[in-house]
PDB file of N, CA and C in Angstrom:
ATOM      1  N   MET A   1     -57.842 -17.119 -26.193  1.00  0.00           N
ATOM      2  CA  MET A   1     -58.619 -16.232 -27.037  1.00  0.00           C
ATOM      3  C   MET A   1     -57.715 -15.202 -27.720  1.00  0.00           C
ATOM      4  N   ASN A   2     -56.603 -14.888 -27.084  1.00  0.00           N
ATOM      5  CA  ASN A   2     -55.682 -13.934 -27.690  1.00  0.00           C
ATOM      6  C   ASN A   2     -54.999 -14.503 -28.930  1.00  0.00           C
ATOM      7  N   ASP A   3     -54.972 -15.819 -29.068  1.00  0.00           N
ATOM      8  CA  ASP A   3     -54.403 -16.416 -30.275  1.00  0.00           C
ATOM      9  C   ASP A   3     -55.273 -16.079 -31.481  1.00  0.00           C
ATOM     10  N   TYR A   4     -56.575 -16.116 -31.319  1.00  0.00           N
ATOM     11  CA  TYR A   4     -57.496 -15.865 -32.425  1.00  0.00           C
ATOM     12  C   TYR A   4     -57.622 -14.368 -32.721  1.00  0.00           C
ATOM     13  N   LEU A   5     -57.779 -13.572 -31.689  1.00  0.00           N
ATOM     14  CA  LEU A   5     -57.954 -12.126 -31.843  1.00  0.00           C
ATOM     15  C   LEU A   5     -56.980 -11.440 -30.891  1.00  0.00           C
ATOM     16  N   PRO A   6     -55.750 -11.202 -31.354  1.00  0.00           N
ATOM     17  CA  PRO A   6     -54.720 -10.622 -30.487  1.00  0.00           C
ATOM     18  C   PRO A   6     -55.128  -9.261 -29.919  1.00  0.00           C
ATOM     19  N   PRO A   7     -54.652  -8.939 -28.722  1.00  0.00           N
ATOM     20  CA  PRO A   7     -55.022  -7.676 -28.071  1.00  0.00           C
ATOM     21  C   PRO A   7     -54.633  -6.430 -28.867  1.00  0.00           C
ATOM     22  N   TYR A   8     -53.643  -6.534 -29.725  1.00  0.00           N
ATOM     23  CA  TYR A   8     -53.236  -5.350 -30.485  1.00  0.00           C
ATOM     24  C   TYR A   8     -54.181  -5.048 -31.653  1.00  0.00           C
ATOM     25  N   ILE A   9     -55.104  -5.948 -31.960  1.00  0.00           N
ATOM     26  CA  ILE A   9     -56.111  -5.686 -32.994  1.00  0.00           C
ATOM     27  C   ILE A   9     -57.205  -4.827 -32.363  1.00  0.00           C
ATOM     28  N   LYS A  10     -57.329  -3.611 -32.823  1.00  0.00           N
ATOM     29  CA  LYS A  10     -58.309  -2.666 -32.279  1.00  0.00           C
ATOM     30  C   LYS A  10     -59.412  -2.419 -33.304  1.00  0.00           C
ATOM     31  N   ALA A  11     -60.648  -2.473 -32.847  1.00  0.00           N
ATOM     32  CA  ALA A  11     -61.784  -2.262 -33.746  1.00  0.00           C
ATOM     33  C   ALA A  11     -61.693  -0.909 -34.453  1.00  0.00           C
ATOM     34  N   GLU A  12     -61.305   0.115 -33.724  1.00  0.00           N
ATOM     35  CA  GLU A  12     -61.273   1.459 -34.310  1.00  0.00           C
ATOM     36  C   GLU A  12     -60.198   1.605 -35.398  1.00  0.00           C
ATOM     37  N   ASP A  13     -59.243   0.688 -35.447  1.00  0.00           N
ATOM     38  CA  ASP A  13     -58.197   0.733 -36.475  1.00  0.00           C
ATOM     39  C   ASP A  13     -58.591   0.018 -37.765  1.00  0.00           C
ATOM     40  N   GLN A  14     -59.692  -0.711 -37.750  1.00  0.00           N
ATOM     41  CA  GLN A  14     -60.117  -1.483 -38.917  1.00  0.00           C
ATOM     42  C   GLN A  14     -60.899  -0.596 -39.876  1.00  0.00           C
ATOM     43  N   GLN A  15     -60.809  -0.915 -41.163  1.00  0.00           N
ATOM     44  CA  GLN A  15     -61.509  -0.128 -42.169  1.00  0.00           C
ATOM     45  C   GLN A  15     -62.884  -0.730 -42.420  1.00  0.00           C
ATOM     46  N   GLY A  16     -63.904   0.063 -42.261  1.00  0.00           N
ATOM     47  CA  GLY A  16     -65.269  -0.360 -42.512  1.00  0.00           C
ATOM     48  C   GLY A  16     -65.941  -0.906 -41.276  1.00  0.00           C
ATOM     49  N   PRO A  17     -67.224  -0.645 -41.119  1.00  0.00           N
ATOM     50  CA  PRO A  17     -67.949  -1.069 -39.921  1.00  0.00           C
ATOM     51  C   PRO A  17     -68.026  -2.585 -39.750  1.00  0.00           C
ATOM     52  N   GLU A  18     -68.048  -3.314 -40.857  1.00  0.00           N
ATOM     53  CA  GLU A  18     -68.121  -4.768 -40.744  1.00  0.00           C
ATOM     54  C   GLU A  18     -66.849  -5.327 -40.115  1.00  0.00           C
ATOM     55  N   PHE A  19     -65.706  -4.820 -40.559  1.00  0.00           N
ATOM     56  CA  PHE A  19     -64.437  -5.315 -40.031  1.00  0.00           C
ATOM     57  C   PHE A  19     -64.159  -4.781 -38.630  1.00  0.00           C
ATOM     58  N   GLN A  20     -64.693  -3.622 -38.324  1.00  0.00           N
ATOM     59  CA  GLN A  20     -64.626  -3.131 -36.946  1.00  0.00           C
ATOM     60  C   GLN A  20     -65.425  -4.058 -36.042  1.00  0.00           C
ATOM     61  N   CYS A  21     -66.551  -4.516 -36.537  1.00  0.00           N
ATOM     62  CA  CYS A  21     -67.399  -5.436 -35.781  1.00  0.00           C
ATOM     63  C   CYS A  21     -66.670  -6.758 -35.519  1.00  0.00           C
ATOM     64  N   LEU A  22     -65.995  -7.294 -36.538  1.00  0.00           N
ATOM     65  CA  LEU A  22     -65.282  -8.565 -36.386  1.00  0.00           C
ATOM     66  C   LEU A  22     -64.070  -8.458 -35.462  1.00  0.00           C
ATOM     67  N   ALA A  23     -63.622  -7.261 -35.173  1.00  0.00           N
ATOM     68  CA  ALA A  23     -62.477  -7.057 -34.290  1.00  0.00           C
ATOM     69  C   ALA A  23     -62.898  -6.885 -32.823  1.00  0.00           C
ATOM     70  N   ARG A  24     -64.176  -7.057 -32.524  1.00  0.00           N
ATOM     71  CA  ARG A  24     -64.682  -6.935 -31.145  1.00  0.00           C
ATOM     72  C   ARG A  24     -65.071  -8.307 -30.614  1.00  0.00           C
ATOM     73  N   TRP A  25     -64.693  -8.587 -29.374  1.00  0.00           N
ATOM     74  CA  TRP A  25     -65.027  -9.884 -28.770  1.00  0.00           C
ATOM     75  C   TRP A  25     -66.519 -10.078 -28.559  1.00  0.00           C
ATOM     76  N   ASP A  26     -67.272  -9.009 -28.366  1.00  0.00           N
ATOM     77  CA  ASP A  26     -68.706  -9.186 -28.115  1.00  0.00           C
ATOM     78  C   ASP A  26     -69.460  -9.664 -29.353  1.00  0.00           C
ATOM     79  N   THR A  27     -68.791  -9.736 -30.484  1.00  0.00           N
ATOM     80  CA  THR A  27     -69.389 -10.264 -31.711  1.00  0.00           C
ATOM     81  C   THR A  27     -69.352 -11.796 -31.724  1.00  0.00           C
ATOM     82  N   TYR A  28     -68.484 -12.395 -30.925  1.00  0.00           N
ATOM     83  CA  TYR A  28     -68.226 -13.835 -31.002  1.00  0.00           C
ATOM     84  C   TYR A  28     -68.970 -14.645 -29.957  1.00  0.00           C
ATOM     85  N   ARG A  29     -69.391 -15.817 -30.391  1.00  0.00           N
ATOM     86  CA  ARG A  29     -69.935 -16.831 -29.480  1.00  0.00           C
ATOM     87  C   ARG A  29     -68.798 -17.792 -29.183  1.00  0.00           C
ATOM     88  N   THR A  30     -68.707 -18.195 -27.947  1.00  0.00           N
ATOM     89  CA  THR A  30     -67.663 -19.134 -27.531  1.00  0.00           C
ATOM     90  C   THR A  30     -68.332 -20.338 -26.890  1.00  0.00           C
ATOM     91  N   VAL A  31     -68.000 -21.523 -27.387  1.00  0.00           N
ATOM     92  CA  VAL A  31     -68.528 -22.776 -26.838  1.00  0.00           C
ATOM     93  C   VAL A  31     -67.339 -23.625 -26.413  1.00  0.00           C
ATOM     94  N   VAL A  32     -67.358 -24.075 -25.161  1.00  0.00           N
ATOM     95  CA  VAL A  32     -66.290 -24.923 -24.639  1.00  0.00           C
ATOM     96  C   VAL A  32     -66.888 -26.290 -24.320  1.00  0.00           C
ATOM     97  N   THR A  33     -66.244 -27.320 -24.840  1.00  0.00           N
ATOM     98  CA  THR A  33     -66.657 -28.695 -24.584  1.00  0.00           C
ATOM     99  C   THR A  33     -65.484 -29.429 -23.949  1.00  0.00           C
ATOM    100  N   GLN A  34     -65.759 -30.125 -22.857  1.00  0.00           N
ATOM    101  CA  GLN A  34     -64.707 -30.892 -22.195  1.00  0.00           C
ATOM    102  C   GLN A  34     -64.777 -32.332 -22.680  1.00  0.00           C
ATOM    103  N   ALA A  35     -63.713 -32.782 -23.355  1.00  0.00           N
ATOM    104  CA  ALA A  35     -63.663 -34.143 -23.879  1.00  0.00           C
ATOM    105  C   ALA A  35     -63.266 -35.139 -22.803  1.00  0.00           C
ATOM    106  N   ASN A  36     -62.319 -34.749 -21.976  1.00  0.00           N
ATOM    107  CA  ASN A  36     -61.920 -35.553 -20.821  1.00  0.00           C
ATOM    108  C   ASN A  36     -61.273 -34.619 -19.796  1.00  0.00           C
ATOM    109  N   GLU A  37     -60.667 -35.197 -18.780  1.00  0.00           N
ATOM    110  CA  GLU A  37     -60.102 -34.398 -17.696  1.00  0.00           C
ATOM    111  C   GLU A  37     -59.059 -33.387 -18.168  1.00  0.00           C
ATOM    112  N   ASN A  38     -58.377 -33.694 -19.257  1.00  0.00           N
ATOM    113  CA  ASN A  38     -57.261 -32.865 -19.687  1.00  0.00           C
ATOM    114  C   ASN A  38     -57.378 -32.388 -21.138  1.00  0.00           C
ATOM    115  N   LEU A  39     -58.581 -32.410 -21.705  1.00  0.00           N
ATOM    116  CA  LEU A  39     -58.752 -31.997 -23.092  1.00  0.00           C
ATOM    117  C   LEU A  39     -60.057 -31.229 -23.266  1.00  0.00           C
ATOM    118  N   PHE A  40     -59.916 -30.045 -23.833  1.00  0.00           N
ATOM    119  CA  PHE A  40     -61.061 -29.172 -24.065  1.00  0.00           C
ATOM    120  C   PHE A  40     -61.066 -28.742 -25.526  1.00  0.00           C
ATOM    121  N   PHE A  41     -62.251 -28.566 -26.067  1.00  0.00           N
ATOM    122  CA  PHE A  41     -62.413 -28.007 -27.401  1.00  0.00           C
ATOM    123  C   PHE A  41     -63.114 -26.666 -27.250  1.00  0.00           C
ATOM    124  N   VAL A  42     -62.567 -25.649 -27.898  1.00  0.00           N
ATOM    125  CA  VAL A  42     -63.125 -24.302 -27.832  1.00  0.00           C
ATOM    126  C   VAL A  42     -63.477 -23.879 -29.244  1.00  0.00           C
ATOM    127  N   LEU A  43     -64.733 -23.524 -29.452  1.00  0.00           N
ATOM    128  CA  LEU A  43     -65.217 -23.071 -30.751  1.00  0.00           C
ATOM    129  C   LEU A  43     -65.530 -21.583 -30.656  1.00  0.00           C
ATOM    130  N   LEU A  44     -64.913 -20.801 -31.533  1.00  0.00           N
ATOM    131  CA  LEU A  44     -65.174 -19.366 -31.628  1.00  0.00           C
ATOM    132  C   LEU A  44     -65.864 -19.116 -32.955  1.00  0.00           C
ATOM    133  N   SER A  45     -67.056 -18.527 -32.904  1.00  0.00           N
ATOM    134  CA  SER A  45     -67.765 -18.241 -34.151  1.00  0.00           C
ATOM    135  C   SER A  45     -68.437 -16.876 -34.046  1.00  0.00           C
ATOM    136  N   PRO A  46     -68.277 -16.058 -35.081  1.00  0.00           N
ATOM    137  CA  PRO A  46     -68.875 -14.726 -35.042  1.00  0.00           C
ATOM    138  C   PRO A  46     -70.373 -14.781 -35.308  1.00  0.00           C
ATOM    139  N   ASP A  47     -71.094 -13.925 -34.629  1.00  0.00           N
ATOM    140  CA  ASP A  47     -72.518 -13.726 -34.897  1.00  0.00           C
ATOM    141  C   ASP A  47     -72.587 -12.573 -35.891  1.00  0.00           C
ATOM    142  N   LEU A  48     -72.585 -12.895 -37.165  1.00  0.00           N
ATOM    143  CA  LEU A  48     -72.491 -11.881 -38.211  1.00  0.00           C
ATOM    144  C   LEU A  48     -73.704 -10.959 -38.259  1.00  0.00           C
ATOM    145  N   SER A  49     -74.802 -11.372 -37.656  1.00  0.00           N
ATOM    146  CA  SER A  49     -75.978 -10.493 -37.624  1.00  0.00           C
ATOM    147  C   SER A  49     -75.701  -9.245 -36.793  1.00  0.00           C
ATOM    148  N   LYS A  50     -74.680  -9.288 -35.929  1.00  0.00           N
ATOM    149  CA  LYS A  50     -74.313  -8.110 -35.142  1.00  0.00           C
ATOM    150  C   LYS A  50     -73.488  -7.121 -35.952  1.00  0.00           C
ATOM    151  N   CYS A  51     -72.976  -7.552 -37.107  1.00  0.00           N
ATOM    152  CA  CYS A  51     -72.087  -6.698 -37.901  1.00  0.00           C
ATOM    153  C   CYS A  51     -72.833  -5.842 -38.915  1.00  0.00           C
ATOM    154  N   ALA A  52     -73.599  -6.464 -39.771  1.00  0.00           N
ATOM    155  CA  ALA A  52     -74.326  -5.733 -40.796  1.00  0.00           C
ATOM    156  C   ALA A  52     -75.292  -6.689 -41.477  1.00  0.00           C
ATOM    157  N   PRO A  53     -76.422  -6.185 -41.924  1.00  0.00           N
ATOM    158  CA  PRO A  53     -77.358  -7.048 -42.638  1.00  0.00           C
ATOM    159  C   PRO A  53     -76.705  -7.624 -43.893  1.00  0.00           C
ATOM    160  N   GLY A  54     -76.794  -8.927 -44.049  1.00  0.00           N
ATOM    161  CA  GLY A  54     -76.270  -9.584 -45.233  1.00  0.00           C
ATOM    162  C   GLY A  54     -74.765  -9.743 -45.269  1.00  0.00           C
ATOM    163  N   PHE A  55     -74.073  -9.400 -44.186  1.00  0.00           N
ATOM    164  CA  PHE A  55     -72.614  -9.527 -44.141  1.00  0.00           C
ATOM    165  C   PHE A  55     -72.251 -11.001 -44.110  1.00  0.00           C
ATOM    166  N   ILE A  56     -71.362 -11.425 -45.021  1.00  0.00           N
ATOM    167  CA  ILE A  56     -70.961 -12.826 -45.128  1.00  0.00           C
ATOM    168  C   ILE A  56     -69.445 -12.923 -45.060  1.00  0.00           C
ATOM    169  N   VAL A  57     -68.965 -13.804 -44.203  1.00  0.00           N
ATOM    170  CA  VAL A  57     -67.536 -14.112 -44.129  1.00  0.00           C
ATOM    171  C   VAL A  57     -67.444 -15.627 -44.195  1.00  0.00           C
ATOM    172  N   PRO A  58     -66.972 -16.169 -45.320  1.00  0.00           N
ATOM    173  CA  PRO A  58     -67.018 -17.617 -45.509  1.00  0.00           C
ATOM    174  C   PRO A  58     -66.122 -18.423 -44.571  1.00  0.00           C
ATOM    175  N   ASP A  59     -65.056 -17.844 -44.062  1.00  0.00           N
ATOM    176  CA  ASP A  59     -64.106 -18.625 -43.283  1.00  0.00           C
ATOM    177  C   ASP A  59     -63.857 -18.027 -41.900  1.00  0.00           C
ATOM    178  N   ALA A  60     -64.881 -17.507 -41.265  1.00  0.00           N
ATOM    179  CA  ALA A  60     -64.706 -16.873 -39.959  1.00  0.00           C
ATOM    180  C   ALA A  60     -64.836 -17.904 -38.843  1.00  0.00           C
ATOM    181  N   GLY A  61     -64.136 -17.660 -37.763  1.00  0.00           N
ATOM    182  CA  GLY A  61     -64.206 -18.534 -36.610  1.00  0.00           C
ATOM    183  C   GLY A  61     -63.045 -19.515 -36.572  1.00  0.00           C
ATOM    184  N   ALA A  62     -62.983 -20.258 -35.482  1.00  0.00           N
ATOM    185  CA  ALA A  62     -61.909 -21.235 -35.302  1.00  0.00           C
ATOM    186  C   ALA A  62     -62.310 -22.247 -34.251  1.00  0.00           C
ATOM    187  N   GLU A  63     -61.648 -23.400 -34.290  1.00  0.00           N
ATOM    188  CA  GLU A  63     -61.825 -24.415 -33.261  1.00  0.00           C
ATOM    189  C   GLU A  63     -60.443 -24.785 -32.732  1.00  0.00           C
ATOM    190  N   TYR A  64     -60.332 -24.814 -31.418  1.00  0.00           N
ATOM    191  CA  TYR A  64     -59.064 -25.119 -30.757  1.00  0.00           C
ATOM    192  C   TYR A  64     -59.218 -26.362 -29.894  1.00  0.00           C
ATOM    193  N   ALA A  65     -58.165 -27.156 -29.840  1.00  0.00           N
ATOM    194  CA  ALA A  65     -58.040 -28.226 -28.846  1.00  0.00           C
ATOM    195  C   ALA A  65     -57.019 -27.713 -27.840  1.00  0.00           C
ATOM    196  N   ILE A  66     -57.394 -27.714 -26.567  1.00  0.00           N
ATOM    197  CA  ILE A  66     -56.564 -27.129 -25.516  1.00  0.00           C
ATOM    198  C   ILE A  66     -56.443 -28.124 -24.374  1.00  0.00           C
ATOM    199  N   ASP A  67     -55.225 -28.257 -23.844  1.00  0.00           N
ATOM    200  CA  ASP A  67     -55.045 -29.172 -22.712  1.00  0.00           C
ATOM    201  C   ASP A  67     -55.403 -28.482 -21.403  1.00  0.00           C
ATOM    202  N   GLY A  68     -55.379 -29.249 -20.328  1.00  0.00           N
ATOM    203  CA  GLY A  68     -55.753 -28.738 -19.014  1.00  0.00           C
ATOM    204  C   GLY A  68     -54.847 -27.645 -18.485  1.00  0.00           C
ATOM    205  N   GLN A  69     -53.663 -27.484 -19.082  1.00  0.00           N
ATOM    206  CA  GLN A  69     -52.724 -26.428 -18.696  1.00  0.00           C
ATOM    207  C   GLN A  69     -52.944 -25.151 -19.518  1.00  0.00           C
ATOM    208  N   GLY A  70     -53.899 -25.187 -20.446  1.00  0.00           N
ATOM    209  CA  GLY A  70     -54.173 -24.027 -21.278  1.00  0.00           C
ATOM    210  C   GLY A  70     -53.324 -23.945 -22.530  1.00  0.00           C
ATOM    211  N   ARG A  71     -52.600 -25.003 -22.861  1.00  0.00           N
ATOM    212  CA  ARG A  71     -51.766 -25.012 -24.058  1.00  0.00           C
ATOM    213  C   ARG A  71     -52.601 -25.421 -25.271  1.00  0.00           C
ATOM    214  N   ILE A  72     -52.386 -24.719 -26.379  1.00  0.00           N
ATOM    215  CA  ILE A  72     -53.079 -25.030 -27.623  1.00  0.00           C
ATOM    216  C   ILE A  72     -52.408 -26.258 -28.241  1.00  0.00           C
ATOM    217  N   LEU A  73     -53.198 -27.309 -28.430  1.00  0.00           N
ATOM    218  CA  LEU A  73     -52.694 -28.545 -29.033  1.00  0.00           C
ATOM    219  C   LEU A  73     -52.931 -28.560 -30.537  1.00  0.00           C
ATOM    220  N   SER A  74     -54.038 -27.938 -30.954  1.00  0.00           N
ATOM    221  CA  SER A  74     -54.410 -27.943 -32.359  1.00  0.00           C
ATOM    222  C   SER A  74     -55.393 -26.812 -32.593  1.00  0.00           C
ATOM    223  N   LYS A  75     -55.385 -26.289 -33.810  1.00  0.00           N
ATOM    224  CA  LYS A  75     -56.410 -25.289 -34.179  1.00  0.00           C
ATOM    225  C   LYS A  75     -56.729 -25.436 -35.651  1.00  0.00           C
ATOM    226  N   ARG A  76     -57.972 -25.124 -35.962  1.00  0.00           N
ATOM    227  CA  ARG A  76     -58.398 -25.127 -37.364  1.00  0.00           C
ATOM    228  C   ARG A  76     -59.500 -24.139 -37.561  1.00  0.00           C
TER     229      ARG A  76
END
């Protein structure tokens, strides 16, 4: 999760309430799917309704493929 939102990104340092919202982990939904014993897919997607009415971010979120050791194999 630190790859997507590094610990040094602080909500209070962001300009505007919408971007402060996107810098908080409680804004994000996380879904983990296990493909096999050693492969997991992790989807991070923001719940923009928590940020502001009508707030739109066209390219928010990410999907990761992660092995059983926690190594990132792919992200998009």
